[in-house]
């Protein structure tokens, strides 16, 4: 199983997709929209989670593409 994917602002501008615990970005993009699309593609392929961070670094959105230990009731 792969590692969760994080979309966050890149220190040198734009946005990055970075695996949890990685020291370097997987890929860097001009827009957050492009980074989210790539992060989602990787997360689906690896059956992990995608965490999208705002400009302050806080998680603003989370999507799970793998086994969810707490599925929604309903």
PDB file of N, CA and C in Angstrom:
ATOM      1  N   UNK A   1       0.843  -1.188   0.000  1.00  0.00           N
ATOM      2  CA  UNK A   1       0.000   0.000   0.000  1.00  0.00           C
ATOM      3  C   UNK A   1       0.880   1.240   0.000  1.00  0.00           C
ATOM      4  N   UNK A   2       0.469   2.259  -0.723  1.00  0.00           N
ATOM      5  CA  UNK A   2       1.232   3.501  -0.841  1.00  0.00           C
ATOM      6  C   UNK A   2       1.029   4.420   0.348  1.00  0.00           C
ATOM      7  N   UNK A   3       1.624   5.569   0.257  1.00  0.00           N
ATOM      8  CA  UNK A   3       1.516   6.570   1.315  1.00  0.00           C
ATOM      9  C   UNK A   3       0.502   7.642   0.911  1.00  0.00           C
ATOM     10  N   UNK A   4      -0.125   8.254   1.900  1.00  0.00           N
ATOM     11  CA  UNK A   4      -1.080   9.322   1.639  1.00  0.00           C
ATOM     12  C   UNK A   4      -0.412  10.436   0.843  1.00  0.00           C
ATOM     13  N   UNK A   5      -1.192  11.083  -0.016  1.00  0.00           N
ATOM     14  CA  UNK A   5      -0.696  12.155  -0.868  1.00  0.00           C
ATOM     15  C   UNK A   5      -1.185  13.497  -0.325  1.00  0.00           C
ATOM     16  N   UNK A   6      -0.279  14.455  -0.267  1.00  0.00           N
ATOM     17  CA  UNK A   6      -0.609  15.790   0.236  1.00  0.00           C
ATOM     18  C   UNK A   6      -0.428  16.811  -0.882  1.00  0.00           C
ATOM     19  N   UNK A   7      -1.415  17.681  -1.050  1.00  0.00           N
ATOM     20  CA  UNK A   7      -1.319  18.811  -1.975  1.00  0.00           C
ATOM     21  C   UNK A   7      -1.171  20.038  -1.093  1.00  0.00           C
ATOM     22  N   UNK A   8      -0.067  20.760  -1.287  1.00  0.00           N
ATOM     23  CA  UNK A   8       0.206  21.920  -0.442  1.00  0.00           C
ATOM     24  C   UNK A   8       0.987  22.971  -1.239  1.00  0.00           C
ATOM     25  N   UNK A   9       1.015  24.204  -0.715  1.00  0.00           N
ATOM     26  CA  UNK A   9       1.800  25.234  -1.392  1.00  0.00           C
ATOM     27  C   UNK A   9       3.282  24.835  -1.404  1.00  0.00           C
ATOM     28  N   UNK A  10       3.968  25.104  -2.509  1.00  0.00           N
ATOM     29  CA  UNK A  10       5.399  24.824  -2.612  1.00  0.00           C
ATOM     30  C   UNK A  10       6.149  26.054  -2.113  1.00  0.00           C
ATOM     31  N   UNK A  11       7.234  25.877  -1.360  1.00  0.00           N
ATOM     32  CA  UNK A  11       7.976  27.024  -0.824  1.00  0.00           C
ATOM     33  C   UNK A  11       8.460  28.021  -1.889  1.00  0.00           C
ATOM     34  N   UNK A  12       8.695  27.546  -3.110  1.00  0.00           N
ATOM     35  CA  UNK A  12       9.199  28.433  -4.167  1.00  0.00           C
ATOM     36  C   UNK A  12       8.097  28.899  -5.117  1.00  0.00           C
ATOM     37  N   UNK A  13       6.842  28.716  -4.723  1.00  0.00           N
ATOM     38  CA  UNK A  13       5.722  29.149  -5.545  1.00  0.00           C
ATOM     39  C   UNK A  13       4.979  27.985  -6.162  1.00  0.00           C
ATOM     40  N   UNK A  14       3.711  28.182  -6.439  1.00  0.00           N
ATOM     41  CA  UNK A  14       2.876  27.127  -6.994  1.00  0.00           C
ATOM     42  C   UNK A  14       2.469  26.130  -5.918  1.00  0.00           C
ATOM     43  N   UNK A  15       2.107  24.941  -6.368  1.00  0.00           N
ATOM     44  CA  UNK A  15       1.651  23.891  -5.458  1.00  0.00           C
ATOM     45  C   UNK A  15       2.409  22.606  -5.747  1.00  0.00           C
ATOM     46  N   UNK A  16       2.450  21.721  -4.755  1.00  0.00           N
ATOM     47  CA  UNK A  16       3.166  20.469  -4.895  1.00  0.00           C
ATOM     48  C   UNK A  16       2.312  19.288  -4.463  1.00  0.00           C
ATOM     49  N   UNK A  17       2.637  18.131  -5.020  1.00  0.00           N
ATOM     50  CA  UNK A  17       2.091  16.864  -4.556  1.00  0.00           C
ATOM     51  C   UNK A  17       3.255  16.174  -3.869  1.00  0.00           C
ATOM     52  N   UNK A  18       3.013  15.742  -2.635  1.00  0.00           N
ATOM     53  CA  UNK A  18       4.093  15.155  -1.850  1.00  0.00           C
ATOM     54  C   UNK A  18       3.542  13.972  -1.062  1.00  0.00           C
ATOM     55  N   UNK A  19       4.243  12.836  -1.093  1.00  0.00           N
ATOM     56  CA  UNK A  19       3.830  11.663  -0.329  1.00  0.00           C
ATOM     57  C   UNK A  19       4.112  11.911   1.151  1.00  0.00           C
ATOM     58  N   UNK A  20       3.285  11.361   2.018  1.00  0.00           N
ATOM     59  CA  UNK A  20       3.471  11.500   3.463  1.00  0.00           C
ATOM     60  C   UNK A  20       4.859  11.010   3.853  1.00  0.00           C
ATOM     61  N   UNK A  21       5.576  11.823   4.614  1.00  0.00           N
ATOM     62  CA  UNK A  21       6.900  11.457   5.087  1.00  0.00           C
ATOM     63  C   UNK A  21       8.030  11.721   4.105  1.00  0.00           C
ATOM     64  N   UNK A  22       7.708  12.128   2.894  1.00  0.00           N
ATOM     65  CA  UNK A  22       8.743  12.392   1.881  1.00  0.00           C
ATOM     66  C   UNK A  22       9.412  13.736   2.151  1.00  0.00           C
ATOM     67  N   UNK A  23      10.675  13.833   1.768  1.00  0.00           N
ATOM     68  CA  UNK A  23      11.385  15.097   1.947  1.00  0.00           C
ATOM     69  C   UNK A  23      11.267  15.983   0.711  1.00  0.00           C
ATOM     70  N   UNK A  24      11.017  15.367  -0.443  1.00  0.00           N
ATOM     71  CA  UNK A  24      10.890  16.126  -1.699  1.00  0.00           C
ATOM     72  C   UNK A  24       9.512  15.916  -2.313  1.00  0.00           C
ATOM     73  N   UNK A  25       9.092  16.910  -3.068  1.00  0.00           N
ATOM     74  CA  UNK A  25       7.797  16.827  -3.756  1.00  0.00           C
ATOM     75  C   UNK A  25       7.862  15.798  -4.880  1.00  0.00           C
ATOM     76  N   UNK A  26       6.750  15.103  -5.111  1.00  0.00           N
ATOM     77  CA  UNK A  26       6.637  14.199  -6.245  1.00  0.00           C
ATOM     78  C   UNK A  26       6.638  15.019  -7.524  1.00  0.00           C
ATOM     79  N   UNK A  27       5.868  16.114  -7.508  1.00  0.00           N
ATOM     80  CA  UNK A  27       5.776  16.996  -8.661  1.00  0.00           C
ATOM     81  C   UNK A  27       5.282  18.364  -8.214  1.00  0.00           C
ATOM     82  N   UNK A  28       5.681  19.412  -8.964  1.00  0.00           N
ATOM     83  CA  UNK A  28       5.291  20.780  -8.653  1.00  0.00           C
ATOM     84  C   UNK A  28       4.448  21.331  -9.798  1.00  0.00           C
ATOM     85  N   UNK A  29       3.430  22.140  -9.450  1.00  0.00           N
ATOM     86  CA  UNK A  29       2.491  22.680 -10.435  1.00  0.00           C
ATOM     87  C   UNK A  29       2.301  24.172 -10.229  1.00  0.00           C
ATOM     88  N   UNK A  30       1.867  24.843 -11.278  1.00  0.00           N
ATOM     89  CA  UNK A  30       1.563  26.273 -11.210  1.00  0.00           C
ATOM     90  C   UNK A  30       0.289  26.530 -10.400  1.00  0.00           C
ATOM     91  N   UNK A  31      -0.731  25.653 -10.583  1.00  0.00           N
ATOM     92  CA  UNK A  31      -2.019  25.876  -9.915  1.00  0.00           C
ATOM     93  C   UNK A  31      -2.359  24.742  -8.964  1.00  0.00           C
ATOM     94  N   UNK A  32      -3.189  25.071  -7.981  1.00  0.00           N
ATOM     95  CA  UNK A  32      -3.646  24.059  -7.034  1.00  0.00           C
ATOM     96  C   UNK A  32      -4.528  23.033  -7.744  1.00  0.00           C
ATOM     97  N   UNK A  33      -5.302  23.490  -8.720  1.00  0.00           N
ATOM     98  CA  UNK A  33      -6.200  22.597  -9.465  1.00  0.00           C
ATOM     99  C   UNK A  33      -5.411  21.472 -10.143  1.00  0.00           C
ATOM    100  N   UNK A  34      -4.290  21.825 -10.779  1.00  0.00           N
ATOM    101  CA  UNK A  34      -3.448  20.815 -11.439  1.00  0.00           C
ATOM    102  C   UNK A  34      -2.852  19.846 -10.423  1.00  0.00           C
ATOM    103  N   UNK A  35      -2.409  20.385  -9.285  1.00  0.00           N
ATOM    104  CA  UNK A  35      -1.816  19.549  -8.242  1.00  0.00           C
ATOM    105  C   UNK A  35      -2.854  18.586  -7.659  1.00  0.00           C
ATOM    106  N   UNK A  36      -4.082  19.068  -7.462  1.00  0.00           N
ATOM    107  CA  UNK A  36      -5.142  18.206  -6.926  1.00  0.00           C
ATOM    108  C   UNK A  36      -5.449  17.073  -7.893  1.00  0.00           C
ATOM    109  N   UNK A  37      -5.513  17.363  -9.175  1.00  0.00           N
ATOM    110  CA  UNK A  37      -5.803  16.328 -10.177  1.00  0.00           C
ATOM    111  C   UNK A  37      -4.733  15.231 -10.149  1.00  0.00           C
ATOM    112  N   UNK A  38      -3.461  15.620 -10.077  1.00  0.00           N
ATOM    113  CA  UNK A  38      -2.377  14.628 -10.031  1.00  0.00           C
ATOM    114  C   UNK A  38      -2.376  13.876  -8.698  1.00  0.00           C
ATOM    115  N   UNK A  39      -2.581  14.589  -7.603  1.00  0.00           N
ATOM    116  CA  UNK A  39      -2.642  13.940  -6.288  1.00  0.00           C
ATOM    117  C   UNK A  39      -3.772  12.938  -6.220  1.00  0.00           C
ATOM    118  N   UNK A  40      -4.925  13.285  -6.787  1.00  0.00           N
ATOM    119  CA  UNK A  40      -6.073  12.382  -6.808  1.00  0.00           C
ATOM    120  C   UNK A  40      -5.776  11.135  -7.642  1.00  0.00           C
ATOM    121  N   UNK A  41      -5.109  11.323  -8.787  1.00  0.00           N
ATOM    122  CA  UNK A  41      -4.748  10.196  -9.647  1.00  0.00           C
ATOM    123  C   UNK A  41      -3.824   9.221  -8.898  1.00  0.00           C
ATOM    124  N   UNK A  42      -2.835   9.756  -8.204  1.00  0.00           N
ATOM    125  CA  UNK A  42      -1.891   8.913  -7.458  1.00  0.00           C
ATOM    126  C   UNK A  42      -2.602   8.211  -6.300  1.00  0.00           C
ATOM    127  N   UNK A  43      -3.424   8.951  -5.552  1.00  0.00           N
ATOM    128  CA  UNK A  43      -4.130   8.378  -4.408  1.00  0.00           C
ATOM    129  C   UNK A  43      -5.074   7.247  -4.836  1.00  0.00           C
ATOM    130  N   UNK A  44      -5.767   7.426  -5.960  1.00  0.00           N
ATOM    131  CA  UNK A  44      -6.656   6.373  -6.463  1.00  0.00           C
ATOM    132  C   UNK A  44      -5.857   5.139  -6.855  1.00  0.00           C
ATOM    133  N   UNK A  45      -4.738   5.362  -7.540  1.00  0.00           N
ATOM    134  CA  UNK A  45      -3.897   4.252  -7.996  1.00  0.00           C
ATOM    135  C   UNK A  45      -3.328   3.471  -6.809  1.00  0.00           C
ATOM    136  N   UNK A  46      -2.912   4.181  -5.774  1.00  0.00           N
ATOM    137  CA  UNK A  46      -2.303   3.546  -4.605  1.00  0.00           C
ATOM    138  C   UNK A  46      -3.317   3.170  -3.528  1.00  0.00           C
ATOM    139  N   UNK A  47      -4.578   3.565  -3.730  1.00  0.00           N
ATOM    140  CA  UNK A  47      -5.655   3.306  -2.761  1.00  0.00           C
ATOM    141  C   UNK A  47      -5.311   3.896  -1.386  1.00  0.00           C
ATOM    142  N   UNK A  48      -4.991   5.200  -1.411  1.00  0.00           N
ATOM    143  CA  UNK A  48      -4.646   5.918  -0.193  1.00  0.00           C
ATOM    144  C   UNK A  48      -5.541   7.146  -0.052  1.00  0.00           C
ATOM    145  N   UNK A  49      -5.151   8.060   0.827  1.00  0.00           N
ATOM    146  CA  UNK A  49      -5.915   9.281   1.023  1.00  0.00           C
ATOM    147  C   UNK A  49      -5.241  10.464   0.341  1.00  0.00           C
ATOM    148  N   UNK A  50      -6.052  11.433  -0.048  1.00  0.00           N
ATOM    149  CA  UNK A  50      -5.581  12.697  -0.594  1.00  0.00           C
ATOM    150  C   UNK A  50      -5.936  13.776   0.420  1.00  0.00           C
ATOM    151  N   UNK A  51      -4.934  14.516   0.863  1.00  0.00           N
ATOM    152  CA  UNK A  51      -5.145  15.607   1.805  1.00  0.00           C
ATOM    153  C   UNK A  51      -4.770  16.908   1.111  1.00  0.00           C
ATOM    154  N   UNK A  52      -5.702  17.857   1.081  1.00  0.00           N
ATOM    155  CA  UNK A  52      -5.496  19.128   0.409  1.00  0.00           C
ATOM    156  C   UNK A  52      -5.328  20.212   1.474  1.00  0.00           C
ATOM    157  N   UNK A  53      -4.198  20.912   1.420  1.00  0.00           N
ATOM    158  CA  UNK A  53      -3.873  21.939   2.406  1.00  0.00           C
ATOM    159  C   UNK A  53      -4.153  23.330   1.846  1.00  0.00           C
ATOM    160  N   UNK A  54      -4.549  24.249   2.734  1.00  0.00           N
ATOM    161  CA  UNK A  54      -4.742  25.641   2.314  1.00  0.00           C
ATOM    162  C   UNK A  54      -3.397  26.374   2.363  1.00  0.00           C
ATOM    163  N   UNK A  55      -3.387  27.656   2.084  1.00  0.00           N
ATOM    164  CA  UNK A  55      -2.141  28.427   2.040  1.00  0.00           C
ATOM    165  C   UNK A  55      -1.438  28.499   3.391  1.00  0.00           C
ATOM    166  N   UNK A  56      -2.188  28.337   4.475  1.00  0.00           N
ATOM    167  CA  UNK A  56      -1.601  28.368   5.816  1.00  0.00           C
ATOM    168  C   UNK A  56      -1.073  27.000   6.239  1.00  0.00           C
ATOM    169  N   UNK A  57      -1.283  25.986   5.404  1.00  0.00           N
ATOM    170  CA  UNK A  57      -0.783  24.643   5.703  1.00  0.00           C
ATOM    171  C   UNK A  57      -1.773  23.734   6.411  1.00  0.00           C
ATOM    172  N   UNK A  58      -2.964  24.240   6.711  1.00  0.00           N
ATOM    173  CA  UNK A  58      -3.978  23.425   7.386  1.00  0.00           C
ATOM    174  C   UNK A  58      -4.727  22.581   6.362  1.00  0.00           C
ATOM    175  N   UNK A  59      -5.102  21.357   6.770  1.00  0.00           N
ATOM    176  CA  UNK A  59      -5.875  20.486   5.882  1.00  0.00           C
ATOM    177  C   UNK A  59      -7.268  21.073   5.730  1.00  0.00           C
ATOM    178  N   UNK A  60      -7.674  21.335   4.489  1.00  0.00           N
ATOM    179  CA  UNK A  60      -9.001  21.899   4.234  1.00  0.00           C
ATOM    180  C   UNK A  60      -9.948  20.871   3.646  1.00  0.00           C
ATOM    181  N   UNK A  61      -9.389  19.779   3.111  1.00  0.00           N
ATOM    182  CA  UNK A  61     -10.216  18.749   2.480  1.00  0.00           C
ATOM    183  C   UNK A  61      -9.471  17.428   2.505  1.00  0.00           C
ATOM    184  N   UNK A  62     -10.240  16.336   2.610  1.00  0.00           N
ATOM    185  CA  UNK A  62      -9.664  15.002   2.658  1.00  0.00           C
ATOM    186  C   UNK A  62     -10.537  14.061   1.828  1.00  0.00           C
ATOM    187  N   UNK A  63      -9.908  13.257   0.984  1.00  0.00           N
ATOM    188  CA  UNK A  63     -10.635  12.257   0.206  1.00  0.00           C
ATOM    189  C   UNK A  63      -9.950  10.918   0.386  1.00  0.00           C
ATOM    190  N   UNK A  64     -10.743   9.868   0.637  1.00  0.00           N
ATOM    191  CA  UNK A  64     -10.190   8.534   0.837  1.00  0.00           C
ATOM    192  C   UNK A  64     -10.490   7.662  -0.375  1.00  0.00           C
ATOM    193  N   UNK A  65      -9.456   7.017  -0.900  1.00  0.00           N
ATOM    194  CA  UNK A  65      -9.618   6.138  -2.061  1.00  0.00           C
ATOM    195  C   UNK A  65      -9.232   4.703  -1.744  1.00  0.00           C
ATOM    196  N   UNK A  66      -9.028   4.406  -0.478  1.00  0.00           N
ATOM    197  CA  UNK A  66      -8.664   3.051  -0.082  1.00  0.00           C
ATOM    198  C   UNK A  66      -9.664   2.514   0.910  1.00  0.00           C
ATOM    199  N   UNK A  67      -9.197   1.621   1.745  1.00  0.00           N
ATOM    200  CA  UNK A  67     -10.023   1.051   2.795  1.00  0.00           C
ATOM    201  C   UNK A  67     -10.301   2.110   3.836  1.00  0.00           C
ATOM    202  N   UNK A  68     -11.549   2.412   4.061  1.00  0.00           N
ATOM    203  CA  UNK A  68     -11.930   3.409   5.052  1.00  0.00           C
ATOM    204  C   UNK A  68     -12.337   2.700   6.330  1.00  0.00           C
ATOM    205  N   UNK A  69     -11.551   2.818   7.417  1.00  0.00           N
ATOM    206  CA  UNK A  69     -11.890   2.143   8.664  1.00  0.00           C
ATOM    207  C   UNK A  69     -13.152   2.697   9.326  1.00  0.00           C
ATOM    208  N   UNK A  70     -13.584   3.887   8.939  1.00  0.00           N
ATOM    209  CA  UNK A  70     -14.791   4.503   9.497  1.00  0.00           C
ATOM    210  C   UNK A  70     -15.704   4.973   8.366  1.00  0.00           C
ATOM    211  N   UNK A  71     -16.298   4.044   7.617  1.00  0.00           N
ATOM    212  CA  UNK A  71     -17.152   4.449   6.497  1.00  0.00           C
ATOM    213  C   UNK A  71     -18.388   5.197   6.991  1.00  0.00           C
ATOM    214  N   UNK A  72     -18.947   6.086   6.176  1.00  0.00           N
ATOM    215  CA  UNK A  72     -20.141   6.827   6.587  1.00  0.00           C
ATOM    216  C   UNK A  72     -21.327   5.881   6.751  1.00  0.00           C
ATOM    217  N   UNK A  73     -22.139   6.193   7.750  1.00  0.00           N
ATOM    218  CA  UNK A  73     -23.341   5.382   8.001  1.00  0.00           C
ATOM    219  C   UNK A  73     -24.489   5.952   7.167  1.00  0.00           C
ATOM    220  N   UNK A  74     -25.264   5.048   6.654  1.00  0.00           N
ATOM    221  CA  UNK A  74     -26.292   5.642   6.008  1.00  0.00           C
ATOM    222  C   UNK A  74     -27.229   5.251   5.086  1.00  0.00           C
TER     223      UNK A  74
END
